[in-house]
Amino acid sequence: MKLVLAIVNKDDGDEVITALSDSGYSVTKLASTGGFLRSGNSTILVGTEDENVENVCGIIKEKSHARTELIAHTSFFPNMLSSMPVEVPVGGATIFVLDVDRWEKA
């Protein structure tokens, strides 16, 4: 038994959950914040048998889209404060696969 823990962009969270649910997996979603931009994420938990891990990870990767976002970056020049937009990559998925010693559904 494995626990697949995936952190995806909040914009992709619902699409990932729908695709996993439609494929027959039980999914739990936690709202989370983190990363360089301290932006909203969805932390997705899926408990599954070992042989399903690659399928679960494939669905998550397929539905989690990397993109770029413009953020205001403040630069200090002598006698001047300037705010310049900077493109940064966001999205995609960070996936952890953990061994589960015990699983119960009550």
PDB file of N, CA and C in Angstrom:
ATOM      1  N   MET A   1       0.844  -1.167   0.000  1.00  0.00           N
ATOM      2  CA  MET A   1       0.000   0.000   0.000  1.00  0.00           C
ATOM      3  C   MET A   1       0.892   1.234   0.000  1.00  0.00           C
ATOM      4  N   LYS A   2       0.486   2.248  -0.772  1.00  0.00           N
ATOM      5  CA  LYS A   2       1.241   3.494  -0.887  1.00  0.00           C
ATOM      6  C   LYS A   2       0.322   4.687  -0.646  1.00  0.00           C
ATOM      7  N   LEU A   3       0.930   5.773  -0.211  1.00  0.00           N
ATOM      8  CA  LEU A   3       0.250   7.057  -0.128  1.00  0.00           C
ATOM      9  C   LEU A   3       0.931   7.971  -1.131  1.00  0.00           C
ATOM     10  N   VAL A   4       0.169   8.439  -2.109  1.00  0.00           N
ATOM     11  CA  VAL A   4       0.677   9.401  -3.080  1.00  0.00           C
ATOM     12  C   VAL A   4       0.249  10.774  -2.587  1.00  0.00           C
ATOM     13  N   LEU A   5       1.226  11.625  -2.326  1.00  0.00           N
ATOM     14  CA  LEU A   5       0.992  12.978  -1.850  1.00  0.00           C
ATOM     15  C   LEU A   5       1.495  13.910  -2.939  1.00  0.00           C
ATOM     16  N   ALA A   6       0.606  14.705  -3.489  1.00  0.00           N
ATOM     17  CA  ALA A   6       0.972  15.598  -4.589  1.00  0.00           C
ATOM     18  C   ALA A   6       0.611  17.031  -4.239  1.00  0.00           C
ATOM     19  N   ILE A   7       1.522  17.939  -4.521  1.00  0.00           N
ATOM     20  CA  ILE A   7       1.274  19.364  -4.334  1.00  0.00           C
ATOM     21  C   ILE A   7       1.158  19.970  -5.723  1.00  0.00           C
ATOM     22  N   VAL A   8      -0.027  20.520  -6.024  1.00  0.00           N
ATOM     23  CA  VAL A   8      -0.295  21.091  -7.341  1.00  0.00           C
ATOM     24  C   VAL A   8      -0.799  22.525  -7.176  1.00  0.00           C
ATOM     25  N   ASN A   9      -0.713  23.294  -8.232  1.00  0.00           N
ATOM     26  CA  ASN A   9      -1.217  24.662  -8.226  1.00  0.00           C
ATOM     27  C   ASN A   9      -2.721  24.642  -7.964  1.00  0.00           C
ATOM     28  N   LYS A  10      -3.203  25.600  -7.197  1.00  0.00           N
ATOM     29  CA  LYS A  10      -4.642  25.646  -6.860  1.00  0.00           C
ATOM     30  C   LYS A  10      -5.523  25.679  -8.107  1.00  0.00           C
ATOM     31  N   ASP A  11      -5.002  26.237  -9.196  1.00  0.00           N
ATOM     32  CA  ASP A  11      -5.784  26.298 -10.438  1.00  0.00           C
ATOM     33  C   ASP A  11      -5.966  24.924 -11.075  1.00  0.00           C
ATOM     34  N   ASP A  12      -5.098  23.971 -10.749  1.00  0.00           N
ATOM     35  CA  ASP A  12      -5.176  22.624 -11.316  1.00  0.00           C
ATOM     36  C   ASP A  12      -5.824  21.621 -10.374  1.00  0.00           C
ATOM     37  N   GLY A  13      -5.993  21.994  -9.115  1.00  0.00           N
ATOM     38  CA  GLY A  13      -6.458  21.049  -8.099  1.00  0.00           C
ATOM     39  C   GLY A  13      -7.760  20.349  -8.429  1.00  0.00           C
ATOM     40  N   ASP A  14      -8.778  21.102  -8.832  1.00  0.00           N
ATOM     41  CA  ASP A  14     -10.085  20.489  -9.115  1.00  0.00           C
ATOM     42  C   ASP A  14     -10.018  19.539 -10.300  1.00  0.00           C
ATOM     43  N   GLU A  15      -9.251  19.904 -11.330  1.00  0.00           N
ATOM     44  CA  GLU A  15      -9.130  19.041 -12.509  1.00  0.00           C
ATOM     45  C   GLU A  15      -8.408  17.733 -12.165  1.00  0.00           C
ATOM     46  N   VAL A  16      -7.384  17.822 -11.321  1.00  0.00           N
ATOM     47  CA  VAL A  16      -6.660  16.621 -10.883  1.00  0.00           C
ATOM     48  C   VAL A  16      -7.588  15.715 -10.088  1.00  0.00           C
ATOM     49  N   ILE A  17      -8.332  16.300  -9.154  1.00  0.00           N
ATOM     50  CA  ILE A  17      -9.239  15.516  -8.305  1.00  0.00           C
ATOM     51  C   ILE A  17     -10.331  14.850  -9.137  1.00  0.00           C
ATOM     52  N   THR A  18     -10.903  15.575 -10.063  1.00  0.00           N
ATOM     53  CA  THR A  18     -11.949  15.010 -10.921  1.00  0.00           C
ATOM     54  C   THR A  18     -11.416  13.834 -11.726  1.00  0.00           C
ATOM     55  N   ALA A  19     -10.229  13.992 -12.322  1.00  0.00           N
ATOM     56  CA  ALA A  19      -9.644  12.912 -13.132  1.00  0.00           C
ATOM     57  C   ALA A  19      -9.336  11.684 -12.277  1.00  0.00           C
ATOM     58  N   LEU A  20      -8.810  11.892 -11.072  1.00  0.00           N
ATOM     59  CA  LEU A  20      -8.515  10.758 -10.185  1.00  0.00           C
ATOM     60  C   LEU A  20      -9.803  10.074  -9.738  1.00  0.00           C
ATOM     61  N   SER A  21     -10.809  10.862  -9.367  1.00  0.00           N
ATOM     62  CA  SER A  21     -12.096  10.299  -8.936  1.00  0.00           C
ATOM     63  C   SER A  21     -12.767   9.530 -10.069  1.00  0.00           C
ATOM     64  N   ASP A  22     -12.735  10.098 -11.287  1.00  0.00           N
ATOM     65  CA  ASP A  22     -13.319   9.422 -12.443  1.00  0.00           C
ATOM     66  C   ASP A  22     -12.618   8.100 -12.762  1.00  0.00           C
ATOM     67  N   SER A  23     -11.358   7.985 -12.334  1.00  0.00           N
ATOM     68  CA  SER A  23     -10.603   6.752 -12.549  1.00  0.00           C
ATOM     69  C   SER A  23     -10.769   5.772 -11.394  1.00  0.00           C
ATOM     70  N   GLY A  24     -11.614   6.121 -10.413  1.00  0.00           N
ATOM     71  CA  GLY A  24     -11.938   5.196  -9.331  1.00  0.00           C
ATOM     72  C   GLY A  24     -11.097   5.330  -8.074  1.00  0.00           C
ATOM     73  N   TYR A  25     -10.290   6.375  -7.970  1.00  0.00           N
ATOM     74  CA  TYR A  25      -9.455   6.552  -6.785  1.00  0.00           C
ATOM     75  C   TYR A  25     -10.153   7.443  -5.770  1.00  0.00           C
ATOM     76  N   SER A  26      -9.965   7.124  -4.491  1.00  0.00           N
ATOM     77  CA  SER A  26     -10.448   7.989  -3.413  1.00  0.00           C
ATOM     78  C   SER A  26      -9.405   9.076  -3.196  1.00  0.00           C
ATOM     79  N   VAL A  27      -9.857  10.314  -3.118  1.00  0.00           N
ATOM     80  CA  VAL A  27      -8.940  11.452  -3.073  1.00  0.00           C
ATOM     81  C   VAL A  27      -9.323  12.382  -1.935  1.00  0.00           C
ATOM     82  N   THR A  28      -8.312  12.899  -1.253  1.00  0.00           N
ATOM     83  CA  THR A  28      -8.518  13.940  -0.251  1.00  0.00           C
ATOM     84  C   THR A  28      -7.705  15.151  -0.668  1.00  0.00           C
ATOM     85  N   LYS A  29      -8.326  16.324  -0.586  1.00  0.00           N
ATOM     86  CA  LYS A  29      -7.653  17.576  -0.970  1.00  0.00           C
ATOM     87  C   LYS A  29      -7.514  18.469   0.253  1.00  0.00           C
ATOM     88  N   LEU A  30      -6.319  19.004   0.434  1.00  0.00           N
ATOM     89  CA  LEU A  30      -6.057  19.962   1.500  1.00  0.00           C
ATOM     90  C   LEU A  30      -5.603  21.267   0.860  1.00  0.00           C
ATOM     91  N   ALA A  31      -6.154  22.381   1.298  1.00  0.00           N
ATOM     92  CA  ALA A  31      -5.675  23.677   0.822  1.00  0.00           C
ATOM     93  C   ALA A  31      -4.346  23.952   1.514  1.00  0.00           C
ATOM     94  N   SER A  32      -3.370  24.424   0.766  1.00  0.00           N
ATOM     95  CA  SER A  32      -2.062  24.697   1.347  1.00  0.00           C
ATOM     96  C   SER A  32      -1.438  25.913   0.681  1.00  0.00           C
ATOM     97  N   THR A  33      -0.434  26.442   1.334  1.00  0.00           N
ATOM     98  CA  THR A  33       0.280  27.596   0.817  1.00  0.00           C
ATOM     99  C   THR A  33       1.767  27.333   0.970  1.00  0.00           C
ATOM    100  N   GLY A  34       2.540  27.770  -0.007  1.00  0.00           N
ATOM    101  CA  GLY A  34       3.970  27.586   0.139  1.00  0.00           C
ATOM    102  C   GLY A  34       4.716  27.976  -1.106  1.00  0.00           C
ATOM    103  N   GLY A  35       5.986  27.704  -1.090  1.00  0.00           N
ATOM    104  CA  GLY A  35       6.818  27.988  -2.242  1.00  0.00           C
ATOM    105  C   GLY A  35       7.313  29.410  -2.268  1.00  0.00           C
ATOM    106  N   PHE A  36       8.029  29.699  -3.305  1.00  0.00           N
ATOM    107  CA  PHE A  36       8.675  30.997  -3.486  1.00  0.00           C
ATOM    108  C   PHE A  36       7.674  32.148  -3.459  1.00  0.00           C
ATOM    109  N   LEU A  37       6.531  31.963  -4.109  1.00  0.00           N
ATOM    110  CA  LEU A  37       5.541  33.038  -4.200  1.00  0.00           C
ATOM    111  C   LEU A  37       4.518  33.005  -3.078  1.00  0.00           C
ATOM    112  N   ARG A  38       4.607  32.005  -2.203  1.00  0.00           N
ATOM    113  CA  ARG A  38       3.623  31.805  -1.144  1.00  0.00           C
ATOM    114  C   ARG A  38       2.207  31.793  -1.719  1.00  0.00           C
ATOM    115  N   SER A  39       2.084  31.139  -2.848  1.00  0.00           N
ATOM    116  CA  SER A  39       0.802  31.095  -3.537  1.00  0.00           C
ATOM    117  C   SER A  39      -0.009  29.894  -3.072  1.00  0.00           C
ATOM    118  N   GLY A  40      -1.290  29.895  -3.418  1.00  0.00           N
ATOM    119  CA  GLY A  40      -2.173  28.815  -3.023  1.00  0.00           C
ATOM    120  C   GLY A  40      -1.877  27.534  -3.786  1.00  0.00           C
ATOM    121  N   ASN A  41      -1.910  26.444  -3.078  1.00  0.00           N
ATOM    122  CA  ASN A  41      -1.706  25.120  -3.646  1.00  0.00           C
ATOM    123  C   ASN A  41      -2.841  24.213  -3.207  1.00  0.00           C
ATOM    124  N   SER A  42      -2.918  23.075  -3.852  1.00  0.00           N
ATOM    125  CA  SER A  42      -3.764  21.988  -3.374  1.00  0.00           C
ATOM    126  C   SER A  42      -2.842  20.817  -3.074  1.00  0.00           C
ATOM    127  N   THR A  43      -2.935  20.296  -1.859  1.00  0.00           N
ATOM    128  CA  THR A  43      -2.195  19.095  -1.501  1.00  0.00           C
ATOM    129  C   THR A  43      -3.177  17.939  -1.618  1.00  0.00           C
ATOM    130  N   ILE A  44      -2.846  16.989  -2.469  1.00  0.00           N
ATOM    131  CA  ILE A  44      -3.761  15.892  -2.789  1.00  0.00           C
ATOM    132  C   ILE A  44      -3.195  14.591  -2.233  1.00  0.00           C
ATOM    133  N   LEU A  45      -4.047  13.848  -1.528  1.00  0.00           N
ATOM    134  CA  LEU A  45      -3.655  12.573  -0.931  1.00  0.00           C
ATOM    135  C   LEU A  45      -4.452  11.449  -1.585  1.00  0.00           C
ATOM    136  N   VAL A  46      -3.735  10.406  -2.022  1.00  0.00           N
ATOM    137  CA  VAL A  46      -4.383   9.237  -2.615  1.00  0.00           C
ATOM    138  C   VAL A  46      -3.733   7.997  -2.020  1.00  0.00           C
ATOM    139  N   GLY A  47      -4.528   7.173  -1.344  1.00  0.00           N
ATOM    140  CA  GLY A  47      -4.047   5.875  -0.872  1.00  0.00           C
ATOM    141  C   GLY A  47      -4.372   4.839  -1.934  1.00  0.00           C
ATOM    142  N   THR A  48      -3.366   4.047  -2.324  1.00  0.00           N
ATOM    143  CA  THR A  48      -3.605   3.071  -3.394  1.00  0.00           C
ATOM    144  C   THR A  48      -2.658   1.888  -3.273  1.00  0.00           C
ATOM    145  N   GLU A  49      -2.996   0.839  -3.980  1.00  0.00           N
ATOM    146  CA  GLU A  49      -2.129  -0.337  -4.032  1.00  0.00           C
ATOM    147  C   GLU A  49      -0.876  -0.021  -4.846  1.00  0.00           C
ATOM    148  N   ASP A  50       0.202  -0.742  -4.577  1.00  0.00           N
ATOM    149  CA  ASP A  50       1.489  -0.499  -5.228  1.00  0.00           C
ATOM    150  C   ASP A  50       1.391  -0.478  -6.749  1.00  0.00           C
ATOM    151  N   GLU A  51       0.598  -1.382  -7.309  1.00  0.00           N
ATOM    152  CA  GLU A  51       0.530  -1.498  -8.771  1.00  0.00           C
ATOM    153  C   GLU A  51      -0.196  -0.319  -9.437  1.00  0.00           C
ATOM    154  N   ASN A  52      -0.889   0.527  -8.649  1.00  0.00           N
ATOM    155  CA  ASN A  52      -1.611   1.672  -9.213  1.00  0.00           C
ATOM    156  C   ASN A  52      -0.838   2.984  -9.140  1.00  0.00           C
ATOM    157  N   VAL A  53       0.322   2.975  -8.506  1.00  0.00           N
ATOM    158  CA  VAL A  53       1.066   4.217  -8.265  1.00  0.00           C
ATOM    159  C   VAL A  53       1.414   4.932  -9.567  1.00  0.00           C
ATOM    160  N   GLU A  54       1.911   4.207 -10.557  1.00  0.00           N
ATOM    161  CA  GLU A  54       2.298   4.857 -11.816  1.00  0.00           C
ATOM    162  C   GLU A  54       1.098   5.491 -12.517  1.00  0.00           C
ATOM    163  N   ASN A  55      -0.051   4.837 -12.451  1.00  0.00           N
ATOM    164  CA  ASN A  55      -1.258   5.390 -13.056  1.00  0.00           C
ATOM    165  C   ASN A  55      -1.693   6.673 -12.334  1.00  0.00           C
ATOM    166  N   VAL A  56      -1.679   6.642 -11.010  1.00  0.00           N
ATOM    167  CA  VAL A  56      -2.044   7.824 -10.226  1.00  0.00           C
ATOM    168  C   VAL A  56      -1.099   8.982 -10.544  1.00  0.00           C
ATOM    169  N   CYS A  57       0.199   8.715 -10.543  1.00  0.00           N
ATOM    170  CA  CYS A  57       1.184   9.766 -10.839  1.00  0.00           C
ATOM    171  C   CYS A  57       1.012  10.292 -12.263  1.00  0.00           C
ATOM    172  N   GLY A  58       0.697   9.418 -13.209  1.00  0.00           N
ATOM    173  CA  GLY A  58       0.479   9.833 -14.590  1.00  0.00           C
ATOM    174  C   GLY A  58      -0.703  10.781 -14.726  1.00  0.00           C
ATOM    175  N   ILE A  59      -1.785  10.479 -14.021  1.00  0.00           N
ATOM    176  CA  ILE A  59      -2.969  11.345 -14.049  1.00  0.00           C
ATOM    177  C   ILE A  59      -2.624  12.712 -13.463  1.00  0.00           C
ATOM    178  N   ILE A  60      -1.912  12.728 -12.351  1.00  0.00           N
ATOM    179  CA  ILE A  60      -1.541  13.993 -11.707  1.00  0.00           C
ATOM    180  C   ILE A  60      -0.668  14.826 -12.644  1.00  0.00           C
ATOM    181  N   LYS A  61       0.315  14.191 -13.271  1.00  0.00           N
ATOM    182  CA  LYS A  61       1.209  14.907 -14.189  1.00  0.00           C
ATOM    183  C   LYS A  61       0.453  15.453 -15.394  1.00  0.00           C
ATOM    184  N   GLU A  62      -0.477  14.657 -15.910  1.00  0.00           N
ATOM    185  CA  GLU A  62      -1.244  15.061 -17.092  1.00  0.00           C
ATOM    186  C   GLU A  62      -2.128  16.282 -16.818  1.00  0.00           C
ATOM    187  N   LYS A  63      -2.664  16.373 -15.616  1.00  0.00           N
ATOM    188  CA  LYS A  63      -3.617  17.436 -15.294  1.00  0.00           C
ATOM    189  C   LYS A  63      -2.991  18.635 -14.581  1.00  0.00           C
ATOM    190  N   SER A  64      -1.698  18.570 -14.273  1.00  0.00           N
ATOM    191  CA  SER A  64      -1.001  19.672 -13.595  1.00  0.00           C
ATOM    192  C   SER A  64      -0.147  20.399 -14.616  1.00  0.00           C
ATOM    193  N   HIS A  65      -0.514  21.627 -14.918  1.00  0.00           N
ATOM    194  CA  HIS A  65       0.130  22.358 -15.998  1.00  0.00           C
ATOM    195  C   HIS A  65       1.136  23.375 -15.471  1.00  0.00           C
ATOM    196  N   ALA A  66       2.364  23.305 -16.002  1.00  0.00           N
ATOM    197  CA  ALA A  66       3.361  24.322 -15.687  1.00  0.00           C
ATOM    198  C   ALA A  66       3.056  25.562 -16.529  1.00  0.00           C
ATOM    199  N   ARG A  67       3.282  26.713 -15.949  1.00  0.00           N
ATOM    200  CA  ARG A  67       3.027  27.975 -16.639  1.00  0.00           C
ATOM    201  C   ARG A  67       3.956  29.033 -16.055  1.00  0.00           C
ATOM    202  N   THR A  68       3.941  30.213 -16.628  1.00  0.00           N
ATOM    203  CA  THR A  68       4.703  31.313 -16.054  1.00  0.00           C
ATOM    204  C   THR A  68       3.735  32.390 -15.597  1.00  0.00           C
ATOM    205  N   GLU A  69       4.153  33.133 -14.586  1.00  0.00           N
ATOM    206  CA  GLU A  69       3.350  34.210 -14.030  1.00  0.00           C
ATOM    207  C   GLU A  69       4.222  35.446 -13.905  1.00  0.00           C
ATOM    208  N   LEU A  70       3.643  36.595 -14.115  1.00  0.00           N
ATOM    209  CA  LEU A  70       4.362  37.845 -13.905  1.00  0.00           C
ATOM    210  C   LEU A  70       4.154  38.306 -12.472  1.00  0.00           C
ATOM    211  N   ILE A  71       5.248  38.604 -11.791  1.00  0.00           N
ATOM    212  CA  ILE A  71       5.148  39.166 -10.445  1.00  0.00           C
ATOM    213  C   ILE A  71       5.901  40.485 -10.426  1.00  0.00           C
ATOM    214  N   ALA A  72       5.509  41.363  -9.530  1.00  0.00           N
ATOM    215  CA  ALA A  72       6.212  42.633  -9.379  1.00  0.00           C
ATOM    216  C   ALA A  72       7.453  42.394  -8.535  1.00  0.00           C
ATOM    217  N   HIS A  73       8.591  42.734  -9.060  1.00  0.00           N
ATOM    218  CA  HIS A  73       9.863  42.579  -8.360  1.00  0.00           C
ATOM    219  C   HIS A  73      10.383  43.971  -8.055  1.00  0.00           C
ATOM    220  N   THR A  74      10.596  44.254  -6.790  1.00  0.00           N
ATOM    221  CA  THR A  74      11.059  45.581  -6.401  1.00  0.00           C
ATOM    222  C   THR A  74      12.573  45.613  -6.395  1.00  0.00           C
ATOM    223  N   SER A  75      13.137  46.568  -7.100  1.00  0.00           N
ATOM    224  CA  SER A  75      14.586  46.754  -7.157  1.00  0.00           C
ATOM    225  C   SER A  75      14.929  48.110  -6.580  1.00  0.00           C
ATOM    226  N   PHE A  76      16.033  48.164  -5.899  1.00  0.00           N
ATOM    227  CA  PHE A  76      16.487  49.420  -5.325  1.00  0.00           C
ATOM    228  C   PHE A  76      17.679  49.931  -6.118  1.00  0.00           C
ATOM    229  N   PHE A  77      17.523  51.081  -6.693  1.00  0.00           N
ATOM    230  CA  PHE A  77      18.614  51.775  -7.376  1.00  0.00           C
ATOM    231  C   PHE A  77      18.939  53.007  -6.533  1.00  0.00           C
ATOM    232  N   PRO A  78      20.123  53.538  -6.671  1.00  0.00           N
ATOM    233  CA  PRO A  78      20.441  54.742  -5.883  1.00  0.00           C
ATOM    234  C   PRO A  78      19.381  55.820  -6.112  1.00  0.00           C
ATOM    235  N   ASN A  79      18.800  56.306  -5.030  1.00  0.00           N
ATOM    236  CA  ASN A  79      17.809  57.383  -5.040  1.00  0.00           C
ATOM    237  C   ASN A  79      16.541  57.026  -5.819  1.00  0.00           C
ATOM    238  N   MET A  80      16.266  55.730  -6.019  1.00  0.00           N
ATOM    239  CA  MET A  80      15.105  55.376  -6.830  1.00  0.00           C
ATOM    240  C   MET A  80      14.573  54.001  -6.415  1.00  0.00           C
ATOM    241  N   LEU A  81      13.273  53.877  -6.329  1.00  0.00           N
ATOM    242  CA  LEU A  81      12.629  52.598  -6.073  1.00  0.00           C
ATOM    243  C   LEU A  81      11.885  52.212  -7.346  1.00  0.00           C
ATOM    244  N   SER A  82      12.168  51.036  -7.865  1.00  0.00           N
ATOM    245  CA  SER A  82      11.572  50.633  -9.132  1.00  0.00           C
ATOM    246  C   SER A  82      10.916  49.267  -8.977  1.00  0.00           C
ATOM    247  N   SER A  83       9.770  49.101  -9.583  1.00  0.00           N
ATOM    248  CA  SER A  83       9.081  47.816  -9.571  1.00  0.00           C
ATOM    249  C   SER A  83       9.022  47.303 -11.007  1.00  0.00           C
ATOM    250  N   MET A  84       9.678  46.180 -11.241  1.00  0.00           N
ATOM    251  CA  MET A  84       9.734  45.610 -12.586  1.00  0.00           C
ATOM    252  C   MET A  84       9.064  44.248 -12.590  1.00  0.00           C
ATOM    253  N   PRO A  85       8.212  43.955 -13.568  1.00  0.00           N
ATOM    254  CA  PRO A  85       7.609  42.620 -13.635  1.00  0.00           C
ATOM    255  C   PRO A  85       8.654  41.575 -14.028  1.00  0.00           C
ATOM    256  N   VAL A  86       8.569  40.420 -13.381  1.00  0.00           N
ATOM    257  CA  VAL A  86       9.487  39.321 -13.640  1.00  0.00           C
ATOM    258  C   VAL A  86       8.657  38.068 -13.889  1.00  0.00           C
ATOM    259  N   GLU A  87       9.012  37.307 -14.920  1.00  0.00           N
ATOM    260  CA  GLU A  87       8.327  36.033 -15.192  1.00  0.00           C
ATOM    261  C   GLU A  87       8.936  34.938 -14.337  1.00  0.00           C
ATOM    262  N   VAL A  88       8.077  34.191 -13.644  1.00  0.00           N
ATOM    263  CA  VAL A  88       8.535  33.066 -12.840  1.00  0.00           C
ATOM    264  C   VAL A  88       7.706  31.828 -13.188  1.00  0.00           C
ATOM    265  N   PRO A  89       8.334  30.659 -13.170  1.00  0.00           N
ATOM    266  CA  PRO A  89       7.573  29.441 -13.452  1.00  0.00           C
ATOM    267  C   PRO A  89       6.716  29.044 -12.250  1.00  0.00           C
ATOM    268  N   VAL A  90       5.483  28.627 -12.500  1.00  0.00           N
ATOM    269  CA  VAL A  90       4.582  28.124 -11.463  1.00  0.00           C
ATOM    270  C   VAL A  90       3.869  26.890 -12.010  1.00  0.00           C
ATOM    271  N   GLY A  91       3.219  26.182 -11.135  1.00  0.00           N
ATOM    272  CA  GLY A  91       2.426  25.036 -11.568  1.00  0.00           C
ATOM    273  C   GLY A  91       3.235  23.760 -11.641  1.00  0.00           C
ATOM    274  N   GLY A  92       2.716  22.814 -12.395  1.00  0.00           N
ATOM    275  CA  GLY A  92       3.319  21.491 -12.397  1.00  0.00           C
ATOM    276  C   GLY A  92       2.899  20.757 -11.140  1.00  0.00           C
ATOM    277  N   ALA A  93       3.615  19.732 -10.795  1.00  0.00           N
ATOM    278  CA  ALA A  93       3.283  18.964  -9.600  1.00  0.00           C
ATOM    279  C   ALA A  93       4.552  18.496  -8.911  1.00  0.00           C
ATOM    280  N   THR A  94       4.501  18.467  -7.584  1.00  0.00           N
ATOM    281  CA  THR A  94       5.537  17.822  -6.778  1.00  0.00           C
ATOM    282  C   THR A  94       4.872  16.606  -6.161  1.00  0.00           C
ATOM    283  N   ILE A  95       5.416  15.426  -6.451  1.00  0.00           N
ATOM    284  CA  ILE A  95       4.760  14.180  -6.042  1.00  0.00           C
ATOM    285  C   ILE A  95       5.683  13.382  -5.122  1.00  0.00           C
ATOM    286  N   PHE A  96       5.124  12.939  -4.008  1.00  0.00           N
ATOM    287  CA  PHE A  96       5.820  12.058  -3.074  1.00  0.00           C
ATOM    288  C   PHE A  96       5.055  10.744  -3.019  1.00  0.00           C
ATOM    289  N   VAL A  97       5.765   9.635  -3.009  1.00  0.00           N
ATOM    290  CA  VAL A  97       5.143   8.316  -2.851  1.00  0.00           C
ATOM    291  C   VAL A  97       5.722   7.716  -1.573  1.00  0.00           C
ATOM    292  N   LEU A  98       4.831   7.441  -0.608  1.00  0.00           N
ATOM    293  CA  LEU A  98       5.247   6.971   0.706  1.00  0.00           C
ATOM    294  C   LEU A  98       4.698   5.573   0.980  1.00  0.00           C
ATOM    295  N   ASP A  99       5.502   4.768   1.652  1.00  0.00           N
ATOM    296  CA  ASP A  99       5.028   3.453   2.086  1.00  0.00           C
ATOM    297  C   ASP A  99       4.022   3.627   3.221  1.00  0.00           C
ATOM    298  N   VAL A 100       2.992   2.788   3.230  1.00  0.00           N
ATOM    299  CA  VAL A 100       1.966   2.822   4.280  1.00  0.00           C
ATOM    300  C   VAL A 100       2.030   1.494   5.024  1.00  0.00           C
ATOM    301  N   ASP A 101       2.297   1.577   6.324  1.00  0.00           N
ATOM    302  CA  ASP A 101       2.362   0.371   7.133  1.00  0.00           C
ATOM    303  C   ASP A 101       0.984  -0.167   7.496  1.00  0.00           C
ATOM    304  N   ARG A 102       0.045   0.764   7.659  1.00  0.00           N
ATOM    305  CA  ARG A 102      -1.303   0.350   8.049  1.00  0.00           C
ATOM    306  C   ARG A 102      -2.315   1.315   7.455  1.00  0.00           C
ATOM    307  N   TRP A 103      -3.436   0.759   7.002  1.00  0.00           N
ATOM    308  CA  TRP A 103      -4.503   1.565   6.421  1.00  0.00           C
ATOM    309  C   TRP A 103      -5.822   1.035   6.918  1.00  0.00           C
ATOM    310  N   GLU A 104      -6.671   1.911   7.392  1.00  0.00           N
ATOM    311  CA  GLU A 104      -8.002   1.539   7.863  1.00  0.00           C
ATOM    312  C   GLU A 104      -9.008   2.535   7.326  1.00  0.00           C
ATOM    313  N   LYS A 105     -10.172   2.058   7.014  1.00  0.00           N
ATOM    314  CA  LYS A 105     -11.274   2.933   6.658  1.00  0.00           C
ATOM    315  C   LYS A 105     -12.401   2.637   7.631  1.00  0.00           C
ATOM    316  N   ALA A 106     -12.727   3.644   8.453  1.00  0.00           N
ATOM    317  CA  ALA A 106     -13.715   3.411   9.511  1.00  0.00           C
ATOM    318  C   ALA A 106     -15.032   4.068   9.145  1.00  0.00           C
TER     319      ALA A 106
END
